[in-house]
Amino acid sequence: MRMHRVVRSLWALLLLVAACAAQNVVSMEACSRGNGVPGFQNFTISPCDSEPCVITRGETYNVTFFAHATTDADVIMLSTSVHQQSNASLVQIGQTVSCHFRDFPCNVTKGDLFRGSYNFRLGFSTFAPEEATYWVQVGTYQAVFACGRAKLIVE
């Protein structure tokens, strides 16, 4: 019985190591939109095992972030956009959604560190296999809690 627990514990440890290896803390550059908007405390894309992350079109990725609330809020909004520019074209796709449709709190108090999570996917026909910039902003209608951008490689 004791050996069974040891084997089970080793399997659990191996699964945890594999899960950690498949996610990457992404280097998010602070937005240059002024007003001293802070960056994210932590930002991960999973699965991702390189910097910059290589994103396969059509695959779904989980994004998890941590940010500090800079004011009290009853509704938090998440805005994301992907920009890709080549010699011949510029592609920009963005969306804004509220906390009611994603996995992050609606009510936060100024100073709180909160966690958010959402799924991210690039369509096959929209982006070419080359570098893209991923912008993420979290806040309310009146205040931005965190803003950042990261380079991605689309394949």
N, C-alpha and C. Protein backbone atom coordinates (compact mmCIF):
# COMPACT_ATOMS: atom_id res chain seq x y z
N MET A 1 0.82 -1.19 0.00
CA MET A 1 0.00 0.00 0.00
C MET A 1 0.87 1.27 0.00
N ARG A 2 1.94 1.23 0.78
CA ARG A 2 2.84 2.38 0.87
C ARG A 2 3.52 2.64 -0.48
N MET A 3 3.93 1.56 -1.16
CA MET A 3 4.58 1.68 -2.47
C MET A 3 3.61 2.29 -3.49
N HIS A 4 2.34 1.94 -3.41
CA HIS A 4 1.33 2.48 -4.30
C HIS A 4 1.24 4.00 -4.13
N ARG A 5 1.30 4.49 -2.91
CA ARG A 5 1.26 5.94 -2.66
C ARG A 5 2.49 6.63 -3.23
N VAL A 6 3.64 6.00 -3.09
CA VAL A 6 4.87 6.57 -3.63
C VAL A 6 4.79 6.68 -5.15
N VAL A 7 4.34 5.62 -5.80
CA VAL A 7 4.21 5.62 -7.26
C VAL A 7 3.19 6.67 -7.69
N ARG A 8 2.07 6.74 -7.00
CA ARG A 8 1.04 7.73 -7.33
C ARG A 8 1.58 9.15 -7.14
N SER A 9 2.34 9.38 -6.09
CA SER A 9 2.94 10.69 -5.84
C SER A 9 3.94 11.06 -6.93
N LEU A 10 4.73 10.09 -7.37
CA LEU A 10 5.69 10.35 -8.45
C LEU A 10 4.98 10.70 -9.75
N TRP A 11 3.89 10.00 -10.07
CA TRP A 11 3.11 10.32 -11.27
C TRP A 11 2.54 11.73 -11.18
N ALA A 12 2.02 12.09 -10.02
CA ALA A 12 1.46 13.44 -9.83
C ALA A 12 2.55 14.49 -10.01
N LEU A 13 3.74 14.23 -9.48
CA LEU A 13 4.85 15.15 -9.63
C LEU A 13 5.26 15.29 -11.10
N LEU A 14 5.32 14.19 -11.82
CA LEU A 14 5.66 14.24 -13.25
C LEU A 14 4.63 15.03 -14.04
N LEU A 15 3.36 14.84 -13.74
CA LEU A 15 2.31 15.60 -14.42
C LEU A 15 2.42 17.09 -14.12
N LEU A 16 2.72 17.44 -12.88
CA LEU A 16 2.89 18.84 -12.50
C LEU A 16 4.07 19.46 -13.24
N VAL A 17 5.18 18.75 -13.31
CA VAL A 17 6.36 19.25 -14.03
C VAL A 17 6.04 19.44 -15.51
N ALA A 18 5.32 18.49 -16.10
CA ALA A 18 4.95 18.60 -17.52
C ALA A 18 4.03 19.80 -17.75
N ALA A 19 3.09 20.02 -16.85
CA ALA A 19 2.17 21.15 -16.98
C ALA A 19 2.93 22.47 -16.85
N CYS A 20 3.86 22.55 -15.92
CA CYS A 20 4.63 23.78 -15.74
C CYS A 20 5.54 24.04 -16.93
N ALA A 21 6.07 23.00 -17.53
CA ALA A 21 6.96 23.16 -18.68
C ALA A 21 6.20 23.65 -19.90
N ALA A 22 4.90 23.41 -19.97
CA ALA A 22 4.11 23.78 -21.14
C ALA A 22 3.56 25.20 -21.05
N GLN A 23 3.87 25.91 -19.97
CA GLN A 23 3.42 27.29 -19.89
C GLN A 23 4.63 28.19 -19.73
N ASN A 24 4.49 29.41 -20.14
CA ASN A 24 5.62 30.31 -20.13
C ASN A 24 5.16 31.67 -19.63
N VAL A 25 5.91 32.22 -18.67
CA VAL A 25 5.65 33.59 -18.27
C VAL A 25 6.12 34.45 -19.43
N VAL A 26 5.18 35.17 -20.02
CA VAL A 26 5.45 35.95 -21.22
C VAL A 26 6.00 37.32 -20.83
N SER A 27 7.02 37.76 -21.53
CA SER A 27 7.56 39.11 -21.31
C SER A 27 6.59 40.11 -21.92
N MET A 28 5.91 40.83 -21.05
CA MET A 28 4.97 41.86 -21.51
C MET A 28 5.63 43.22 -21.37
N GLU A 29 5.76 43.92 -22.46
CA GLU A 29 6.27 45.29 -22.44
C GLU A 29 5.12 46.21 -22.04
N ALA A 30 5.37 47.13 -21.13
CA ALA A 30 4.31 48.06 -20.70
C ALA A 30 3.83 48.87 -21.89
N CYS A 31 2.54 49.16 -21.91
CA CYS A 31 1.97 49.97 -22.99
C CYS A 31 2.56 51.37 -22.94
N SER A 32 2.76 51.95 -24.07
CA SER A 32 3.30 53.31 -24.14
C SER A 32 2.18 54.31 -24.38
N ARG A 33 1.01 54.02 -23.82
CA ARG A 33 -0.14 54.90 -24.04
C ARG A 33 -0.21 56.01 -23.00
N GLY A 34 0.84 56.19 -22.22
CA GLY A 34 0.93 57.31 -21.29
C GLY A 34 0.18 57.10 -19.99
N ASN A 35 0.12 58.13 -19.19
CA ASN A 35 -0.60 58.19 -17.92
C ASN A 35 -0.09 57.20 -16.88
N GLY A 36 1.11 56.67 -17.02
CA GLY A 36 1.67 55.79 -16.01
C GLY A 36 0.89 54.53 -15.74
N VAL A 37 0.25 53.97 -16.75
CA VAL A 37 -0.53 52.74 -16.58
C VAL A 37 0.42 51.60 -16.25
N PRO A 38 0.14 50.87 -15.15
CA PRO A 38 1.03 49.76 -14.78
C PRO A 38 0.92 48.58 -15.73
N GLY A 39 1.94 47.74 -15.69
CA GLY A 39 1.91 46.50 -16.45
C GLY A 39 1.30 45.39 -15.62
N PHE A 40 1.31 44.18 -16.15
CA PHE A 40 0.79 43.02 -15.45
C PHE A 40 1.82 42.51 -14.45
N GLN A 41 1.35 41.99 -13.32
CA GLN A 41 2.25 41.39 -12.34
C GLN A 41 2.80 40.06 -12.87
N ASN A 42 1.97 39.35 -13.62
CA ASN A 42 2.34 38.05 -14.18
C ASN A 42 1.42 37.80 -15.37
N PHE A 43 1.96 37.22 -16.43
CA PHE A 43 1.17 36.96 -17.64
C PHE A 43 1.70 35.68 -18.26
N THR A 44 0.86 34.63 -18.35
CA THR A 44 1.30 33.36 -18.92
C THR A 44 0.38 32.94 -20.06
N ILE A 45 0.96 32.26 -21.02
CA ILE A 45 0.22 31.63 -22.11
C ILE A 45 0.54 30.15 -22.06
N SER A 46 -0.50 29.33 -22.12
CA SER A 46 -0.31 27.88 -22.01
C SER A 46 -1.09 27.17 -23.11
N PRO A 47 -0.52 26.25 -23.85
CA PRO A 47 0.88 25.86 -23.80
C PRO A 47 1.76 26.85 -24.55
N CYS A 48 2.94 27.04 -24.01
CA CYS A 48 3.95 27.90 -24.63
C CYS A 48 5.28 27.51 -24.02
N ASP A 49 6.24 27.19 -24.85
CA ASP A 49 7.53 26.77 -24.31
C ASP A 49 8.70 27.57 -24.88
N SER A 50 8.41 28.76 -25.40
CA SER A 50 9.48 29.59 -25.95
C SER A 50 9.15 31.06 -25.73
N GLU A 51 10.16 31.89 -25.93
CA GLU A 51 9.98 33.33 -25.85
C GLU A 51 10.56 33.93 -27.12
N PRO A 52 9.80 34.51 -28.00
CA PRO A 52 8.35 34.70 -27.90
C PRO A 52 7.58 33.40 -28.13
N CYS A 53 6.34 33.40 -27.66
CA CYS A 53 5.48 32.21 -27.83
C CYS A 53 5.21 31.98 -29.30
N VAL A 54 5.22 30.72 -29.68
CA VAL A 54 4.84 30.33 -31.04
C VAL A 54 3.38 29.90 -30.97
N ILE A 55 2.53 30.61 -31.70
CA ILE A 55 1.08 30.38 -31.69
C ILE A 55 0.69 29.71 -33.00
N THR A 56 0.09 28.55 -32.91
CA THR A 56 -0.38 27.83 -34.09
C THR A 56 -1.81 28.26 -34.40
N ARG A 57 -2.03 28.70 -35.63
CA ARG A 57 -3.37 29.13 -36.03
C ARG A 57 -4.35 27.97 -35.87
N GLY A 58 -5.53 28.27 -35.32
CA GLY A 58 -6.56 27.26 -35.12
C GLY A 58 -6.49 26.57 -33.77
N GLU A 59 -5.37 26.70 -33.05
CA GLU A 59 -5.24 26.10 -31.72
C GLU A 59 -5.74 27.07 -30.65
N THR A 60 -6.21 26.53 -29.54
CA THR A 60 -6.69 27.35 -28.43
C THR A 60 -5.64 27.38 -27.33
N TYR A 61 -5.38 28.56 -26.80
CA TYR A 61 -4.40 28.77 -25.74
C TYR A 61 -5.09 29.39 -24.53
N ASN A 62 -4.61 29.04 -23.34
CA ASN A 62 -5.14 29.64 -22.12
C ASN A 62 -4.19 30.75 -21.68
N VAL A 63 -4.75 31.91 -21.42
CA VAL A 63 -3.98 33.05 -20.93
C VAL A 63 -4.40 33.31 -19.49
N THR A 64 -3.42 33.45 -18.60
CA THR A 64 -3.69 33.78 -17.21
C THR A 64 -2.86 35.00 -16.84
N PHE A 65 -3.48 35.95 -16.14
CA PHE A 65 -2.77 37.16 -15.74
C PHE A 65 -3.08 37.51 -14.30
N PHE A 66 -2.20 38.30 -13.71
CA PHE A 66 -2.42 38.90 -12.39
C PHE A 66 -2.20 40.40 -12.54
N ALA A 67 -3.12 41.19 -11.97
CA ALA A 67 -3.03 42.64 -12.04
C ALA A 67 -3.53 43.24 -10.73
N HIS A 68 -3.08 44.46 -10.44
CA HIS A 68 -3.54 45.20 -9.26
C HIS A 68 -4.67 46.14 -9.67
N ALA A 69 -5.73 46.17 -8.87
CA ALA A 69 -6.81 47.13 -9.09
C ALA A 69 -6.33 48.50 -8.65
N THR A 70 -6.43 49.49 -9.52
CA THR A 70 -6.00 50.84 -9.17
C THR A 70 -7.14 51.69 -8.64
N THR A 71 -8.35 51.12 -8.64
CA THR A 71 -9.53 51.78 -8.10
C THR A 71 -10.57 50.71 -7.78
N ASP A 72 -11.58 51.04 -7.00
CA ASP A 72 -12.68 50.10 -6.76
C ASP A 72 -13.44 49.92 -8.07
N ALA A 73 -13.96 48.71 -8.29
CA ALA A 73 -14.69 48.45 -9.54
C ALA A 73 -15.78 47.42 -9.33
N ASP A 74 -16.89 47.61 -10.05
CA ASP A 74 -18.00 46.65 -10.05
C ASP A 74 -18.05 45.85 -11.35
N VAL A 75 -17.41 46.35 -12.38
CA VAL A 75 -17.33 45.65 -13.67
C VAL A 75 -15.93 45.85 -14.23
N ILE A 76 -15.29 44.75 -14.59
CA ILE A 76 -13.95 44.82 -15.18
C ILE A 76 -14.06 44.40 -16.65
N MET A 77 -13.35 45.13 -17.48
CA MET A 77 -13.34 44.85 -18.92
C MET A 77 -11.95 44.37 -19.34
N LEU A 78 -11.93 43.45 -20.30
CA LEU A 78 -10.70 42.94 -20.89
C LEU A 78 -10.71 43.31 -22.36
N SER A 79 -9.67 43.99 -22.81
CA SER A 79 -9.52 44.32 -24.23
C SER A 79 -8.27 43.65 -24.75
N THR A 80 -8.40 42.96 -25.87
CA THR A 80 -7.26 42.32 -26.51
C THR A 80 -7.24 42.68 -27.98
N SER A 81 -6.06 42.73 -28.55
CA SER A 81 -5.97 42.93 -30.00
C SER A 81 -4.67 42.31 -30.50
N VAL A 82 -4.71 41.85 -31.72
CA VAL A 82 -3.54 41.28 -32.38
C VAL A 82 -3.27 42.13 -33.61
N HIS A 83 -2.02 42.56 -33.76
CA HIS A 83 -1.61 43.39 -34.89
C HIS A 83 -0.50 42.66 -35.64
N GLN A 84 -0.64 42.62 -36.94
CA GLN A 84 0.39 42.00 -37.77
C GLN A 84 0.56 42.85 -39.02
N GLN A 85 1.80 43.28 -39.27
CA GLN A 85 2.07 44.13 -40.42
C GLN A 85 3.15 43.50 -41.28
N SER A 86 2.88 43.47 -42.57
CA SER A 86 3.88 43.02 -43.53
C SER A 86 4.06 44.14 -44.56
N ASN A 87 4.87 43.89 -45.56
CA ASN A 87 5.07 44.91 -46.60
C ASN A 87 3.78 45.23 -47.33
N ALA A 88 2.90 44.25 -47.47
CA ALA A 88 1.70 44.42 -48.29
C ALA A 88 0.44 44.72 -47.49
N SER A 89 0.42 44.42 -46.18
CA SER A 89 -0.85 44.57 -45.47
C SER A 89 -0.65 44.81 -43.98
N LEU A 90 -1.72 45.29 -43.36
CA LEU A 90 -1.80 45.46 -41.91
C LEU A 90 -3.09 44.80 -41.46
N VAL A 91 -2.98 43.85 -40.53
CA VAL A 91 -4.15 43.16 -39.99
C VAL A 91 -4.24 43.50 -38.51
N GLN A 92 -5.41 43.97 -38.07
CA GLN A 92 -5.66 44.26 -36.66
C GLN A 92 -7.02 43.69 -36.29
N ILE A 93 -7.05 42.86 -35.28
CA ILE A 93 -8.32 42.32 -34.80
C ILE A 93 -8.34 42.51 -33.29
N GLY A 94 -9.43 43.08 -32.79
CA GLY A 94 -9.54 43.32 -31.36
C GLY A 94 -10.92 42.98 -30.84
N GLN A 95 -10.99 42.82 -29.53
CA GLN A 95 -12.27 42.59 -28.88
C GLN A 95 -12.21 43.10 -27.45
N THR A 96 -13.35 43.50 -26.93
CA THR A 96 -13.49 43.90 -25.54
C THR A 96 -14.65 43.13 -24.95
N VAL A 97 -14.41 42.49 -23.80
CA VAL A 97 -15.45 41.71 -23.13
C VAL A 97 -15.44 42.04 -21.65
N SER A 98 -16.59 41.83 -21.01
CA SER A 98 -16.68 42.11 -19.58
C SER A 98 -16.41 40.85 -18.76
N CYS A 99 -16.26 41.06 -17.48
CA CYS A 99 -16.01 39.97 -16.53
C CYS A 99 -17.15 38.95 -16.52
N HIS A 100 -18.31 39.32 -16.99
CA HIS A 100 -19.45 38.40 -17.02
C HIS A 100 -19.25 37.25 -18.01
N PHE A 101 -18.32 37.43 -18.96
CA PHE A 101 -18.10 36.43 -20.00
C PHE A 101 -16.73 35.76 -19.94
N ARG A 102 -15.92 36.10 -18.96
CA ARG A 102 -14.59 35.52 -18.82
C ARG A 102 -14.34 35.17 -17.36
N ASP A 103 -13.24 34.48 -17.10
CA ASP A 103 -12.91 34.00 -15.77
C ASP A 103 -12.03 35.01 -15.03
N PHE A 104 -12.65 36.12 -14.60
CA PHE A 104 -12.00 37.06 -13.69
C PHE A 104 -13.09 37.80 -12.94
N PRO A 105 -12.77 38.36 -11.77
CA PRO A 105 -13.81 38.94 -10.92
C PRO A 105 -14.40 40.21 -11.50
N CYS A 106 -15.64 40.48 -11.12
CA CYS A 106 -16.27 41.75 -11.50
C CYS A 106 -16.04 42.81 -10.42
N ASN A 107 -16.04 42.39 -9.17
CA ASN A 107 -15.89 43.32 -8.05
C ASN A 107 -14.48 43.23 -7.46
N VAL A 108 -13.77 44.34 -7.49
CA VAL A 108 -12.45 44.40 -6.87
C VAL A 108 -12.34 45.70 -6.08
N THR A 109 -11.46 45.69 -5.10
CA THR A 109 -11.20 46.86 -4.28
C THR A 109 -9.82 47.40 -4.64
N LYS A 110 -9.69 48.71 -4.61
CA LYS A 110 -8.41 49.35 -4.92
C LYS A 110 -7.29 48.67 -4.13
N GLY A 111 -6.22 48.31 -4.83
CA GLY A 111 -5.08 47.66 -4.20
C GLY A 111 -5.10 46.15 -4.27
N ASP A 112 -6.27 45.55 -4.57
CA ASP A 112 -6.37 44.09 -4.68
C ASP A 112 -5.52 43.58 -5.84
N LEU A 113 -4.86 42.46 -5.61
CA LEU A 113 -4.22 41.71 -6.69
C LEU A 113 -5.23 40.67 -7.13
N PHE A 114 -5.64 40.69 -8.38
CA PHE A 114 -6.63 39.73 -8.84
C PHE A 114 -6.10 38.94 -10.03
N ARG A 115 -6.71 37.77 -10.22
CA ARG A 115 -6.32 36.84 -11.27
C ARG A 115 -7.41 36.80 -12.34
N GLY A 116 -6.98 36.70 -13.58
CA GLY A 116 -7.92 36.52 -14.68
C GLY A 116 -7.43 35.42 -15.60
N SER A 117 -8.37 34.81 -16.30
CA SER A 117 -8.03 33.74 -17.23
C SER A 117 -9.01 33.77 -18.39
N TYR A 118 -8.51 33.51 -19.58
CA TYR A 118 -9.37 33.45 -20.76
C TYR A 118 -8.69 32.62 -21.83
N ASN A 119 -9.46 32.21 -22.83
CA ASN A 119 -8.92 31.45 -23.96
C ASN A 119 -8.66 32.38 -25.13
N PHE A 120 -7.64 32.04 -25.89
CA PHE A 120 -7.17 32.86 -27.00
C PHE A 120 -6.93 31.95 -28.20
N ARG A 121 -7.39 32.40 -29.38
CA ARG A 121 -7.27 31.58 -30.59
C ARG A 121 -7.15 32.50 -31.81
N LEU A 122 -6.27 32.14 -32.73
CA LEU A 122 -6.14 32.87 -34.00
C LEU A 122 -6.69 32.00 -35.12
N GLY A 123 -7.52 32.61 -35.97
CA GLY A 123 -8.10 31.87 -37.09
C GLY A 123 -7.08 31.59 -38.18
N PHE A 124 -7.38 30.59 -38.99
CA PHE A 124 -6.47 30.17 -40.07
C PHE A 124 -6.31 31.24 -41.14
N SER A 125 -7.40 31.85 -41.55
CA SER A 125 -7.34 32.71 -42.73
C SER A 125 -7.00 34.16 -42.41
N THR A 126 -6.92 34.52 -41.14
CA THR A 126 -6.73 35.92 -40.78
C THR A 126 -5.28 36.34 -40.73
N PHE A 127 -4.43 35.53 -40.13
CA PHE A 127 -3.05 35.92 -39.90
C PHE A 127 -2.07 35.06 -40.68
N ALA A 128 -1.02 35.70 -41.17
CA ALA A 128 0.04 35.00 -41.91
C ALA A 128 1.03 34.39 -40.91
N PRO A 129 1.77 33.38 -41.32
CA PRO A 129 2.77 32.78 -40.44
C PRO A 129 4.01 33.68 -40.33
N GLU A 130 3.95 34.63 -39.42
CA GLU A 130 5.07 35.53 -39.13
C GLU A 130 4.83 36.20 -37.78
N GLU A 131 5.64 37.16 -37.41
CA GLU A 131 5.54 37.82 -36.11
C GLU A 131 4.29 38.68 -36.01
N ALA A 132 3.71 38.73 -34.81
CA ALA A 132 2.55 39.58 -34.53
C ALA A 132 2.73 40.20 -33.14
N THR A 133 2.01 41.28 -32.88
CA THR A 133 2.03 41.93 -31.57
C THR A 133 0.68 41.71 -30.91
N TYR A 134 0.70 41.26 -29.66
CA TYR A 134 -0.52 40.97 -28.90
C TYR A 134 -0.65 42.01 -27.79
N TRP A 135 -1.73 42.82 -27.84
CA TRP A 135 -2.00 43.85 -26.84
C TRP A 135 -3.08 43.35 -25.89
N VAL A 136 -2.90 43.60 -24.60
CA VAL A 136 -3.90 43.23 -23.59
C VAL A 136 -4.04 44.39 -22.61
N GLN A 137 -5.29 44.74 -22.32
CA GLN A 137 -5.59 45.81 -21.36
C GLN A 137 -6.73 45.36 -20.47
N VAL A 138 -6.61 45.61 -19.16
CA VAL A 138 -7.64 45.25 -18.19
C VAL A 138 -7.97 46.48 -17.36
N GLY A 139 -9.25 46.71 -17.13
CA GLY A 139 -9.66 47.84 -16.30
C GLY A 139 -11.15 48.03 -16.32
N THR A 140 -11.57 49.27 -16.07
CA THR A 140 -12.98 49.63 -16.08
C THR A 140 -13.21 50.58 -17.26
N TYR A 141 -14.41 51.12 -17.34
CA TYR A 141 -14.68 52.11 -18.38
C TYR A 141 -13.88 53.40 -18.13
N GLN A 142 -13.56 53.67 -16.84
CA GLN A 142 -12.88 54.92 -16.49
C GLN A 142 -11.38 54.77 -16.21
N ALA A 143 -10.92 53.58 -15.83
CA ALA A 143 -9.53 53.41 -15.40
C ALA A 143 -8.92 52.14 -15.99
N VAL A 144 -7.64 52.21 -16.29
CA VAL A 144 -6.91 51.04 -16.78
C VAL A 144 -6.08 50.50 -15.63
N PHE A 145 -6.25 49.21 -15.31
CA PHE A 145 -5.50 48.57 -14.23
C PHE A 145 -4.14 48.08 -14.71
N ALA A 146 -4.10 47.51 -15.90
CA ALA A 146 -2.85 46.99 -16.45
C ALA A 146 -2.95 46.97 -17.97
N CYS A 147 -1.81 47.19 -18.60
CA CYS A 147 -1.76 47.19 -20.05
C CYS A 147 -0.39 46.68 -20.47
N GLY A 148 -0.35 45.83 -21.48
CA GLY A 148 0.93 45.32 -21.95
C GLY A 148 0.83 44.78 -23.36
N ARG A 149 1.99 44.56 -23.93
CA ARG A 149 2.05 43.99 -25.27
C ARG A 149 3.20 43.00 -25.33
N ALA A 150 3.01 41.98 -26.15
CA ALA A 150 4.02 40.93 -26.29
C ALA A 150 4.15 40.55 -27.76
N LYS A 151 5.32 40.11 -28.13
CA LYS A 151 5.54 39.59 -29.47
C LYS A 151 5.15 38.12 -29.49
N LEU A 152 4.49 37.70 -30.56
CA LEU A 152 4.13 36.31 -30.79
C LEU A 152 4.64 35.91 -32.17
N ILE A 153 4.92 34.64 -32.34
CA ILE A 153 5.25 34.11 -33.66
C ILE A 153 4.06 33.25 -34.09
N VAL A 154 3.44 33.62 -35.20
CA VAL A 154 2.28 32.89 -35.72
C VAL A 154 2.78 31.85 -36.71
N GLU A 155 2.29 30.61 -36.56
CA GLU A 155 2.66 29.57 -37.54
C GLU A 155 1.42 28.88 -38.04
